């Protein structure tokens, strides 16, 4: 599958391999940075499991991090215009992991 994107009159073909197109689910992102890069670790927390795993790591430049921040803000604004406000519940930095079963087998 290829997508084309125009930038300054040029076209860029972007290939999206099938394995990558499936995506990776994450319910926690940890962001750190140095003077030359931002590191974003996407983590999946699983109920009743004490150890969480980083499922994907993305390393970007500070300039790209700022462009990503603006693009996310723009997309959230568009999403809310179409679907309504996204509620923000006050929460701890890490989601609660004290899920309890609601059914027995």
PDB file of N, CA and C in Angstrom:
ATOM      1  N   UNK A   1       0.860  -1.165   0.000  1.00  0.00           N
ATOM      2  CA  UNK A   1       0.000   0.000   0.000  1.00  0.00           C
ATOM      3  C   UNK A   1       0.907   1.229   0.000  1.00  0.00           C
ATOM      4  N   UNK A   2       0.621   2.166  -0.845  1.00  0.00           N
ATOM      5  CA  UNK A   2       1.444   3.376  -0.913  1.00  0.00           C
ATOM      6  C   UNK A   2       0.561   4.604  -0.810  1.00  0.00           C
ATOM      7  N   UNK A   3       1.071   5.596  -0.126  1.00  0.00           N
ATOM      8  CA  UNK A   3       0.375   6.877  -0.021  1.00  0.00           C
ATOM      9  C   UNK A   3       1.296   7.937  -0.574  1.00  0.00           C
ATOM     10  N   UNK A   4       0.705   8.957  -1.171  1.00  0.00           N
ATOM     11  CA  UNK A   4       1.505  10.051  -1.692  1.00  0.00           C
ATOM     12  C   UNK A   4       1.225  11.301  -0.886  1.00  0.00           C
ATOM     13  N   UNK A   5       2.278  12.033  -0.602  1.00  0.00           N
ATOM     14  CA  UNK A   5       2.147  13.266   0.164  1.00  0.00           C
ATOM     15  C   UNK A   5       2.910  14.358  -0.564  1.00  0.00           C
ATOM     16  N   UNK A   6       2.251  15.502  -0.732  1.00  0.00           N
ATOM     17  CA  UNK A   6       2.913  16.623  -1.397  1.00  0.00           C
ATOM     18  C   UNK A   6       3.538  17.539  -0.362  1.00  0.00           C
ATOM     19  N   UNK A   7       4.760  17.965  -0.653  1.00  0.00           N
ATOM     20  CA  UNK A   7       5.441  18.928   0.201  1.00  0.00           C
ATOM     21  C   UNK A   7       6.349  19.751  -0.699  1.00  0.00           C
ATOM     22  N   UNK A   8       6.105  21.045  -0.734  1.00  0.00           N
ATOM     23  CA  UNK A   8       6.891  21.965  -1.548  1.00  0.00           C
ATOM     24  C   UNK A   8       6.940  21.517  -3.005  1.00  0.00           C
ATOM     25  N   UNK A   9       5.800  21.040  -3.526  1.00  0.00           N
ATOM     26  CA  UNK A   9       5.732  20.661  -4.924  1.00  0.00           C
ATOM     27  C   UNK A   9       6.294  19.290  -5.249  1.00  0.00           C
ATOM     28  N   UNK A  10       6.824  18.569  -4.275  1.00  0.00           N
ATOM     29  CA  UNK A  10       7.390  17.247  -4.504  1.00  0.00           C
ATOM     30  C   UNK A  10       6.450  16.185  -3.962  1.00  0.00           C
ATOM     31  N   UNK A  11       6.483  15.013  -4.565  1.00  0.00           N
ATOM     32  CA  UNK A  11       5.689  13.896  -4.094  1.00  0.00           C
ATOM     33  C   UNK A  11       6.593  12.886  -3.400  1.00  0.00           C
ATOM     34  N   UNK A  12       6.087  12.332  -2.303  1.00  0.00           N
ATOM     35  CA  UNK A  12       6.824  11.307  -1.572  1.00  0.00           C
ATOM     36  C   UNK A  12       5.941  10.075  -1.526  1.00  0.00           C
ATOM     37  N   UNK A  13       6.458   8.957  -1.975  1.00  0.00           N
ATOM     38  CA  UNK A  13       5.732   7.701  -1.865  1.00  0.00           C
ATOM     39  C   UNK A  13       6.063   7.077  -0.521  1.00  0.00           C
ATOM     40  N   UNK A  14       5.037   6.776   0.253  1.00  0.00           N
ATOM     41  CA  UNK A  14       5.224   6.185   1.576  1.00  0.00           C
ATOM     42  C   UNK A  14       4.654   4.782   1.549  1.00  0.00           C
ATOM     43  N   UNK A  15       5.501   3.805   1.832  1.00  0.00           N
ATOM     44  CA  UNK A  15       5.063   2.410   1.852  1.00  0.00           C
ATOM     45  C   UNK A  15       4.673   2.030   3.274  1.00  0.00           C
ATOM     46  N   UNK A  16       3.553   1.348   3.417  1.00  0.00           N
ATOM     47  CA  UNK A  16       3.073   0.894   4.712  1.00  0.00           C
ATOM     48  C   UNK A  16       3.014  -0.633   4.691  1.00  0.00           C
ATOM     49  N   UNK A  17       4.073  -1.291   5.172  1.00  0.00           N
ATOM     50  CA  UNK A  17       4.085  -2.759   5.165  1.00  0.00           C
ATOM     51  C   UNK A  17       2.933  -3.334   5.993  1.00  0.00           C
ATOM     52  N   UNK A  18       2.451  -4.500   5.593  1.00  0.00           N
ATOM     53  CA  UNK A  18       1.288  -5.113   6.228  1.00  0.00           C
ATOM     54  C   UNK A  18       1.469  -5.283   7.742  1.00  0.00           C
ATOM     55  N   UNK A  19       2.629  -5.727   8.176  1.00  0.00           N
ATOM     56  CA  UNK A  19       2.881  -5.920   9.608  1.00  0.00           C
ATOM     57  C   UNK A  19       2.818  -4.618  10.393  1.00  0.00           C
ATOM     58  N   UNK A  20       3.278  -3.543   9.807  1.00  0.00           N
ATOM     59  CA  UNK A  20       3.244  -2.237  10.463  1.00  0.00           C
ATOM     60  C   UNK A  20       1.825  -1.673  10.433  1.00  0.00           C
ATOM     61  N   UNK A  21       1.082  -1.954   9.359  1.00  0.00           N
ATOM     62  CA  UNK A  21      -0.278  -1.440   9.208  1.00  0.00           C
ATOM     63  C   UNK A  21      -1.201  -1.968  10.301  1.00  0.00           C
ATOM     64  N   UNK A  22      -0.889  -3.119  10.868  1.00  0.00           N
ATOM     65  CA  UNK A  22      -1.701  -3.677  11.945  1.00  0.00           C
ATOM     66  C   UNK A  22      -1.660  -2.802  13.189  1.00  0.00           C
ATOM     67  N   UNK A  23      -0.588  -2.058  13.362  1.00  0.00           N
ATOM     68  CA  UNK A  23      -0.457  -1.162  14.505  1.00  0.00           C
ATOM     69  C   UNK A  23      -0.062  -1.882  15.782  1.00  0.00           C
ATOM     70  N   UNK A  24       0.235  -1.097  16.799  1.00  0.00           N
ATOM     71  CA  UNK A  24       0.610  -1.599  18.115  1.00  0.00           C
ATOM     72  C   UNK A  24      -0.237  -0.856  19.134  1.00  0.00           C
ATOM     73  N   UNK A  25      -0.938  -1.582  20.004  1.00  0.00           N
ATOM     74  CA  UNK A  25      -1.755  -0.943  21.030  1.00  0.00           C
ATOM     75  C   UNK A  25      -0.871  -0.508  22.191  1.00  0.00           C
ATOM     76  N   UNK A  26      -1.094   0.715  22.663  1.00  0.00           N
ATOM     77  CA  UNK A  26      -0.362   1.251  23.804  1.00  0.00           C
ATOM     78  C   UNK A  26      -1.328   2.043  24.671  1.00  0.00           C
ATOM     79  N   UNK A  27      -1.207   1.887  25.990  1.00  0.00           N
ATOM     80  CA  UNK A  27      -2.039   2.685  26.882  1.00  0.00           C
ATOM     81  C   UNK A  27      -1.193   3.547  27.826  1.00  0.00           C
ATOM     82  N   UNK A  28       0.078   3.697  27.471  1.00  0.00           N
ATOM     83  CA  UNK A  28       0.986   4.572  28.216  1.00  0.00           C
ATOM     84  C   UNK A  28       2.138   4.966  27.306  1.00  0.00           C
ATOM     85  N   UNK A  29       2.485   6.235  27.302  1.00  0.00           N
ATOM     86  CA  UNK A  29       3.655   6.705  26.562  1.00  0.00           C
ATOM     87  C   UNK A  29       4.601   7.382  27.546  1.00  0.00           C
ATOM     88  N   UNK A  30       5.867   7.038  27.438  1.00  0.00           N
ATOM     89  CA  UNK A  30       6.896   7.651  28.276  1.00  0.00           C
ATOM     90  C   UNK A  30       7.829   8.417  27.347  1.00  0.00           C
ATOM     91  N   UNK A  31       7.989   9.709  27.619  1.00  0.00           N
ATOM     92  CA  UNK A  31       8.778  10.571  26.743  1.00  0.00           C
ATOM     93  C   UNK A  31       9.991  11.088  27.494  1.00  0.00           C
ATOM     94  N   UNK A  32      11.154  10.940  26.878  1.00  0.00           N
ATOM     95  CA  UNK A  32      12.383  11.502  27.446  1.00  0.00           C
ATOM     96  C   UNK A  32      13.126  12.206  26.307  1.00  0.00           C
ATOM     97  N   UNK A  33      14.110  13.002  26.672  1.00  0.00           N
ATOM     98  CA  UNK A  33      14.828  13.734  25.632  1.00  0.00           C
ATOM     99  C   UNK A  33      16.254  14.048  26.049  1.00  0.00           C
ATOM    100  N   UNK A  34      17.080  14.291  25.043  1.00  0.00           N
ATOM    101  CA  UNK A  34      18.432  14.807  25.225  1.00  0.00           C
ATOM    102  C   UNK A  34      18.496  16.098  24.412  1.00  0.00           C
ATOM    103  N   UNK A  35      19.683  16.661  24.261  1.00  0.00           N
ATOM    104  CA  UNK A  35      19.795  17.903  23.493  1.00  0.00           C
ATOM    105  C   UNK A  35      19.536  17.670  22.003  1.00  0.00           C
ATOM    106  N   UNK A  36      19.620  16.431  21.529  1.00  0.00           N
ATOM    107  CA  UNK A  36      19.501  16.196  20.091  1.00  0.00           C
ATOM    108  C   UNK A  36      18.348  15.289  19.670  1.00  0.00           C
ATOM    109  N   UNK A  37      17.622  14.694  20.637  1.00  0.00           N
ATOM    110  CA  UNK A  37      16.541  13.792  20.245  1.00  0.00           C
ATOM    111  C   UNK A  37      15.499  13.614  21.338  1.00  0.00           C
ATOM    112  N   UNK A  38      14.307  13.239  20.908  1.00  0.00           N
ATOM    113  CA  UNK A  38      13.228  12.841  21.802  1.00  0.00           C
ATOM    114  C   UNK A  38      13.032  11.341  21.623  1.00  0.00           C
ATOM    115  N   UNK A  39      12.837  10.642  22.726  1.00  0.00           N
ATOM    116  CA  UNK A  39      12.576   9.202  22.688  1.00  0.00           C
ATOM    117  C   UNK A  39      11.181   8.989  23.266  1.00  0.00           C
ATOM    118  N   UNK A  40      10.320   8.347  22.477  1.00  0.00           N
ATOM    119  CA  UNK A  40       8.956   8.063  22.912  1.00  0.00           C
ATOM    120  C   UNK A  40       8.799   6.551  22.990  1.00  0.00           C
ATOM    121  N   UNK A  41       8.610   6.048  24.203  1.00  0.00           N
ATOM    122  CA  UNK A  41       8.371   4.625  24.417  1.00  0.00           C
ATOM    123  C   UNK A  41       6.876   4.410  24.593  1.00  0.00           C
ATOM    124  N   UNK A  42       6.309   3.559  23.760  1.00  0.00           N
ATOM    125  CA  UNK A  42       4.896   3.207  23.848  1.00  0.00           C
ATOM    126  C   UNK A  42       4.795   1.883  24.598  1.00  0.00           C
ATOM    127  N   UNK A  43       4.086   1.921  25.725  1.00  0.00           N
ATOM    128  CA  UNK A  43       4.029   0.804  26.659  1.00  0.00           C
ATOM    129  C   UNK A  43       2.612   0.249  26.704  1.00  0.00           C
ATOM    130  N   UNK A  44       2.511  -1.049  26.914  1.00  0.00           N
ATOM    131  CA  UNK A  44       1.204  -1.682  27.127  1.00  0.00           C
ATOM    132  C   UNK A  44       1.161  -2.226  28.544  1.00  0.00           C
ATOM    133  N   UNK A  45       0.265  -1.643  29.352  1.00  0.00           N
ATOM    134  CA  UNK A  45       0.024  -2.139  30.706  1.00  0.00           C
ATOM    135  C   UNK A  45      -1.109  -3.155  30.636  1.00  0.00           C
ATOM    136  N   UNK A  46      -0.906  -4.300  31.290  1.00  0.00           N
ATOM    137  CA  UNK A  46      -1.899  -5.359  31.273  1.00  0.00           C
ATOM    138  C   UNK A  46      -2.401  -5.566  32.699  1.00  0.00           C
ATOM    139  N   UNK A  47      -3.725  -5.693  32.876  1.00  0.00           N
ATOM    140  CA  UNK A  47      -4.274  -5.896  34.222  1.00  0.00           C
ATOM    141  C   UNK A  47      -3.656  -7.105  34.930  1.00  0.00           C
ATOM    142  N   UNK A  48      -3.392  -6.930  36.223  1.00  0.00           N
ATOM    143  CA  UNK A  48      -2.871  -7.980  37.102  1.00  0.00           C
ATOM    144  C   UNK A  48      -1.503  -8.508  36.704  1.00  0.00           C
ATOM    145  N   UNK A  49      -0.764  -7.754  35.901  1.00  0.00           N
ATOM    146  CA  UNK A  49       0.607  -8.117  35.544  1.00  0.00           C
ATOM    147  C   UNK A  49       1.498  -6.978  36.015  1.00  0.00           C
ATOM    148  N   UNK A  50       2.441  -7.304  36.895  1.00  0.00           N
ATOM    149  CA  UNK A  50       3.280  -6.268  37.512  1.00  0.00           C
ATOM    150  C   UNK A  50       4.313  -5.686  36.547  1.00  0.00           C
ATOM    151  N   UNK A  51       4.631  -6.397  35.488  1.00  0.00           N
ATOM    152  CA  UNK A  51       5.673  -5.959  34.570  1.00  0.00           C
ATOM    153  C   UNK A  51       5.055  -5.495  33.248  1.00  0.00           C
ATOM    154  N   UNK A  52       5.310  -4.254  32.883  1.00  0.00           N
ATOM    155  CA  UNK A  52       4.815  -3.712  31.619  1.00  0.00           C
ATOM    156  C   UNK A  52       5.920  -3.805  30.575  1.00  0.00           C
ATOM    157  N   UNK A  53       5.518  -3.877  29.307  1.00  0.00           N
ATOM    158  CA  UNK A  53       6.495  -4.002  28.234  1.00  0.00           C
ATOM    159  C   UNK A  53       6.414  -2.821  27.290  1.00  0.00           C
ATOM    160  N   UNK A  54       7.576  -2.332  26.869  1.00  0.00           N
ATOM    161  CA  UNK A  54       7.636  -1.333  25.807  1.00  0.00           C
ATOM    162  C   UNK A  54       7.340  -2.082  24.517  1.00  0.00           C
ATOM    163  N   UNK A  55       6.306  -1.657  23.810  1.00  0.00           N
ATOM    164  CA  UNK A  55       5.906  -2.320  22.576  1.00  0.00           C
ATOM    165  C   UNK A  55       6.519  -1.658  21.349  1.00  0.00           C
ATOM    166  N   UNK A  56       6.881  -0.381  21.479  1.00  0.00           N
ATOM    167  CA  UNK A  56       7.478   0.329  20.358  1.00  0.00           C
ATOM    168  C   UNK A  56       8.245   1.537  20.884  1.00  0.00           C
ATOM    169  N   UNK A  57       9.339   1.863  20.238  1.00  0.00           N
ATOM    170  CA  UNK A  57      10.133   3.047  20.594  1.00  0.00           C
ATOM    171  C   UNK A  57      10.338   3.875  19.337  1.00  0.00           C
ATOM    172  N   UNK A  58      10.043   5.171  19.443  1.00  0.00           N
ATOM    173  CA  UNK A  58      10.230   6.087  18.325  1.00  0.00           C
ATOM    174  C   UNK A  58      11.208   7.157  18.772  1.00  0.00           C
ATOM    175  N   UNK A  59      12.235   7.396  17.962  1.00  0.00           N
ATOM    176  CA  UNK A  59      13.253   8.408  18.264  1.00  0.00           C
ATOM    177  C   UNK A  59      13.171   9.469  17.177  1.00  0.00           C
ATOM    178  N   UNK A  60      12.983  10.733  17.590  1.00  0.00           N
ATOM    179  CA  UNK A  60      12.805  11.825  16.634  1.00  0.00           C
ATOM    180  C   UNK A  60      13.642  13.040  17.062  1.00  0.00           C
ATOM    181  N   UNK A  61      13.839  13.948  16.118  1.00  0.00           N
ATOM    182  CA  UNK A  61      14.577  15.177  16.411  1.00  0.00           C
ATOM    183  C   UNK A  61      13.680  16.138  17.183  1.00  0.00           C
ATOM    184  N   UNK A  62      14.252  17.115  17.884  1.00  0.00           N
ATOM    185  CA  UNK A  62      13.433  18.118  18.573  1.00  0.00           C
ATOM    186  C   UNK A  62      12.503  18.870  17.607  1.00  0.00           C
ATOM    187  N   UNK A  63      12.983  19.168  16.412  1.00  0.00           N
ATOM    188  CA  UNK A  63      12.147  19.868  15.435  1.00  0.00           C
ATOM    189  C   UNK A  63      10.947  19.012  15.035  1.00  0.00           C
ATOM    190  N   UNK A  64      11.181  17.726  14.826  1.00  0.00           N
ATOM    191  CA  UNK A  64      10.076  16.845  14.455  1.00  0.00           C
ATOM    192  C   UNK A  64       9.125  16.653  15.636  1.00  0.00           C
ATOM    193  N   UNK A  65       9.654  16.633  16.859  1.00  0.00           N
ATOM    194  CA  UNK A  65       8.796  16.514  18.048  1.00  0.00           C
ATOM    195  C   UNK A  65       7.827  17.692  18.113  1.00  0.00           C
ATOM    196  N   UNK A  66       8.314  18.880  17.796  1.00  0.00           N
ATOM    197  CA  UNK A  66       7.451  20.063  17.829  1.00  0.00           C
ATOM    198  C   UNK A  66       6.393  19.983  16.733  1.00  0.00           C
ATOM    199  N   UNK A  67       6.784  19.519  15.532  1.00  0.00           N
ATOM    200  CA  UNK A  67       5.808  19.350  14.451  1.00  0.00           C
ATOM    201  C   UNK A  67       4.775  18.288  14.825  1.00  0.00           C
ATOM    202  N   UNK A  68       5.207  17.213  15.471  1.00  0.00           N
ATOM    203  CA  UNK A  68       4.295  16.155  15.908  1.00  0.00           C
ATOM    204  C   UNK A  68       3.313  16.696  16.939  1.00  0.00           C
ATOM    205  N   UNK A  69       3.806  17.492  17.888  1.00  0.00           N
ATOM    206  CA  UNK A  69       2.945  18.090  18.903  1.00  0.00           C
ATOM    207  C   UNK A  69       1.853  18.949  18.249  1.00  0.00           C
ATOM    208  N   UNK A  70       2.238  19.763  17.276  1.00  0.00           N
ATOM    209  CA  UNK A  70       1.271  20.621  16.585  1.00  0.00           C
ATOM    210  C   UNK A  70       0.275  19.786  15.782  1.00  0.00           C
ATOM    211  N   UNK A  71       0.753  18.741  15.127  1.00  0.00           N
ATOM    212  CA  UNK A  71      -0.127  17.888  14.329  1.00  0.00           C
ATOM    213  C   UNK A  71      -1.123  17.149  15.229  1.00  0.00           C
ATOM    214  N   UNK A  72      -0.676  16.667  16.382  1.00  0.00           N
ATOM    215  CA  UNK A  72      -1.583  16.009  17.324  1.00  0.00           C
ATOM    216  C   UNK A  72      -2.638  16.986  17.835  1.00  0.00           C
ATOM    217  N   UNK A  73      -2.220  18.198  18.185  1.00  0.00           N
ATOM    218  CA  UNK A  73      -3.167  19.208  18.670  1.00  0.00           C
ATOM    219  C   UNK A  73      -4.211  19.523  17.600  1.00  0.00           C
ATOM    220  N   UNK A  74      -3.777  19.654  16.361  1.00  0.00           N
ATOM    221  CA  UNK A  74      -4.695  19.948  15.259  1.00  0.00           C
ATOM    222  C   UNK A  74      -5.682  18.794  15.048  1.00  0.00           C
ATOM    223  N   UNK A  75      -5.186  17.559  15.129  1.00  0.00           N
ATOM    224  CA  UNK A  75      -6.055  16.408  14.937  1.00  0.00           C
ATOM    225  C   UNK A  75      -7.032  16.211  16.086  1.00  0.00           C
ATOM    226  N   UNK A  76      -6.611  16.489  17.313  1.00  0.00           N
ATOM    227  CA  UNK A  76      -7.530  16.410  18.456  1.00  0.00           C
ATOM    228  C   UNK A  76      -8.634  17.450  18.287  1.00  0.00           C
ATOM    229  N   UNK A  77      -8.266  18.643  17.849  1.00  0.00           N
ATOM    230  CA  UNK A  77      -9.256  19.700  17.624  1.00  0.00           C
ATOM    231  C   UNK A  77     -10.278  19.270  16.573  1.00  0.00           C
ATOM    232  N   UNK A  78      -9.813  18.685  15.468  1.00  0.00           N
ATOM    233  CA  UNK A  78     -10.711  18.204  14.415  1.00  0.00           C
ATOM    234  C   UNK A  78     -11.596  17.070  14.934  1.00  0.00           C
ATOM    235  N   UNK A  79     -11.014  16.149  15.697  1.00  0.00           N
ATOM    236  CA  UNK A  79     -11.770  15.035  16.264  1.00  0.00           C
ATOM    237  C   UNK A  79     -12.892  15.543  17.154  1.00  0.00           C
ATOM    238  N   UNK A  80     -12.556  16.494  18.038  1.00  0.00           N
ATOM    239  CA  UNK A  80     -13.561  17.030  18.962  1.00  0.00           C
ATOM    240  C   UNK A  80     -14.642  17.812  18.229  1.00  0.00           C
ATOM    241  N   UNK A  81     -14.292  18.478  17.154  1.00  0.00           N
ATOM    242  CA  UNK A  81     -15.292  19.194  16.365  1.00  0.00           C
ATOM    243  C   UNK A  81     -16.292  18.222  15.740  1.00  0.00           C
ATOM    244  N   UNK A  82     -15.810  17.041  15.403  1.00  0.00           N
ATOM    245  CA  UNK A  82     -16.666  16.052  14.756  1.00  0.00           C
ATOM    246  C   UNK A  82     -17.397  15.153  15.756  1.00  0.00           C
ATOM    247  N   UNK A  83     -16.732  14.796  16.868  1.00  0.00           N
ATOM    248  CA  UNK A  83     -17.273  13.787  17.783  1.00  0.00           C
ATOM    249  C   UNK A  83     -17.592  14.311  19.178  1.00  0.00           C
ATOM    250  N   UNK A  84     -17.295  15.553  19.464  1.00  0.00           N
ATOM    251  CA  UNK A  84     -17.515  16.097  20.794  1.00  0.00           C
ATOM    252  C   UNK A  84     -16.246  16.066  21.628  1.00  0.00           C
ATOM    253  N   UNK A  85     -16.309  16.757  22.737  1.00  0.00           N
ATOM    254  CA  UNK A  85     -15.147  16.930  23.600  1.00  0.00           C
ATOM    255  C   UNK A  85     -14.656  15.600  24.174  1.00  0.00           C
ATOM    256  N   UNK A  86     -13.355  15.440  24.217  1.00  0.00           N
ATOM    257  CA  UNK A  86     -12.736  14.276  24.849  1.00  0.00           C
ATOM    258  C   UNK A  86     -12.599  14.602  26.327  1.00  0.00           C
ATOM    259  N   UNK A  87     -13.192  13.773  27.185  1.00  0.00           N
ATOM    260  CA  UNK A  87     -13.128  14.053  28.622  1.00  0.00           C
ATOM    261  C   UNK A  87     -11.737  13.712  29.146  1.00  0.00           C
ATOM    262  N   UNK A  88     -11.261  14.550  30.041  1.00  0.00           N
ATOM    263  CA  UNK A  88      -9.966  14.330  30.678  1.00  0.00           C
ATOM    264  C   UNK A  88     -10.193  14.098  32.159  1.00  0.00           C
ATOM    265  N   UNK A  89     -10.063  12.859  32.562  1.00  0.00           N
ATOM    266  CA  UNK A  89     -10.208  12.533  33.972  1.00  0.00           C
ATOM    267  C   UNK A  89      -8.866  12.741  34.651  1.00  0.00           C
ATOM    268  N   UNK A  90      -8.918  13.340  35.833  1.00  0.00           N
ATOM    269  CA  UNK A  90      -7.686  13.509  36.587  1.00  0.00           C
ATOM    270  C   UNK A  90      -7.200  12.136  37.006  1.00  0.00           C
ATOM    271  N   UNK A  91      -5.935  11.835  36.696  1.00  0.00           N
ATOM    272  CA  UNK A  91      -5.430  10.509  37.020  1.00  0.00           C
ATOM    273  C   UNK A  91      -3.963  10.558  37.390  1.00  0.00           C
ATOM    274  N   UNK A  92      -3.522   9.476  37.978  1.00  0.00           N
ATOM    275  CA  UNK A  92      -2.119   9.322  38.327  1.00  0.00           C
ATOM    276  C   UNK A  92      -1.313   9.198  37.039  1.00  0.00           C
ATOM    277  N   UNK A  93       0.011   9.392  37.110  1.00  0.00           N
ATOM    278  CA  UNK A  93       0.823   9.248  35.913  1.00  0.00           C
ATOM    279  C   UNK A  93       0.715   7.850  35.294  1.00  0.00           C
ATOM    280  N   UNK A  94       0.419   6.841  36.122  1.00  0.00           N
ATOM    281  CA  UNK A  94       0.283   5.485  35.625  1.00  0.00           C
ATOM    282  C   UNK A  94      -1.130   4.996  35.901  1.00  0.00           C
ATOM    283  N   UNK A  95      -1.773   4.374  34.910  1.00  0.00           N
ATOM    284  CA  UNK A  95      -3.130   3.867  35.117  1.00  0.00           C
ATOM    285  C   UNK A  95      -3.186   2.857  36.253  1.00  0.00           C
ATOM    286  N   UNK A  96      -4.312   2.809  36.950  1.00  0.00           N
ATOM    287  CA  UNK A  96      -4.495   1.856  38.038  1.00  0.00           C
ATOM    288  C   UNK A  96      -4.437   0.442  37.485  1.00  0.00           C
ATOM    289  N   UNK A  97      -3.762  -0.428  38.192  1.00  0.00           N
ATOM    290  CA  UNK A  97      -3.619  -1.801  37.732  1.00  0.00           C
ATOM    291  C   UNK A  97      -4.362  -2.771  38.631  1.00  0.00           C
ATOM    292  N   UNK A  98      -5.331  -2.297  39.397  1.00  0.00           N
ATOM    293  CA  UNK A  98      -6.043  -3.158  40.328  1.00  0.00           C
ATOM    294  C   UNK A  98      -7.377  -3.609  39.744  1.00  0.00           C
ATOM    295  N   UNK A  99      -7.347  -4.056  38.487  1.00  0.00           N
ATOM    296  CA  UNK A  99      -8.550  -4.567  37.851  1.00  0.00           C
ATOM    297  C   UNK A  99      -8.963  -5.850  38.572  1.00  0.00           C
ATOM    298  N   UNK A 100     -10.241  -6.063  38.697  1.00  0.00           N
ATOM    299  CA  UNK A 100     -10.720  -7.301  39.304  1.00  0.00           C
ATOM    300  C   UNK A 100     -11.633  -7.989  38.310  1.00  0.00           C
ATOM    301  N   UNK A 101     -11.629  -9.322  38.319  1.00  0.00           N
ATOM    302  CA  UNK A 101     -12.489 -10.039  37.381  1.00  0.00           C
ATOM    303  C   UNK A 101     -13.954  -9.738  37.666  1.00  0.00           C
ATOM    304  N   UNK A 102     -14.753  -9.676  36.611  1.00  0.00           N
ATOM    305  CA  UNK A 102     -16.186  -9.431  36.773  1.00  0.00           C
ATOM    306  C   UNK A 102     -16.991 -10.694  36.500  1.00  0.00           C
ATOM    307  N   UNK A 103     -16.318 -11.759  36.107  1.00  0.00           N
ATOM    308  CA  UNK A 103     -17.006 -13.020  35.830  1.00  0.00           C
ATOM    309  C   UNK A 103     -16.071 -14.179  36.159  1.00  0.00           C
ATOM    310  N   UNK A 104     -16.627 -15.329  36.368  1.00  0.00           N
ATOM    311  CA  UNK A 104     -15.848 -16.527  36.637  1.00  0.00           C
ATOM    312  C   UNK A 104     -16.136 -17.552  35.558  1.00  0.00           C
ATOM    313  N   UNK A 105     -15.135 -18.345  35.250  1.00  0.00           N
ATOM    314  CA  UNK A 105     -15.335 -19.401  34.253  1.00  0.00           C
ATOM    315  C   UNK A 105     -15.255 -20.751  34.930  1.00  0.00           C
TER     316      UNK A 105
END
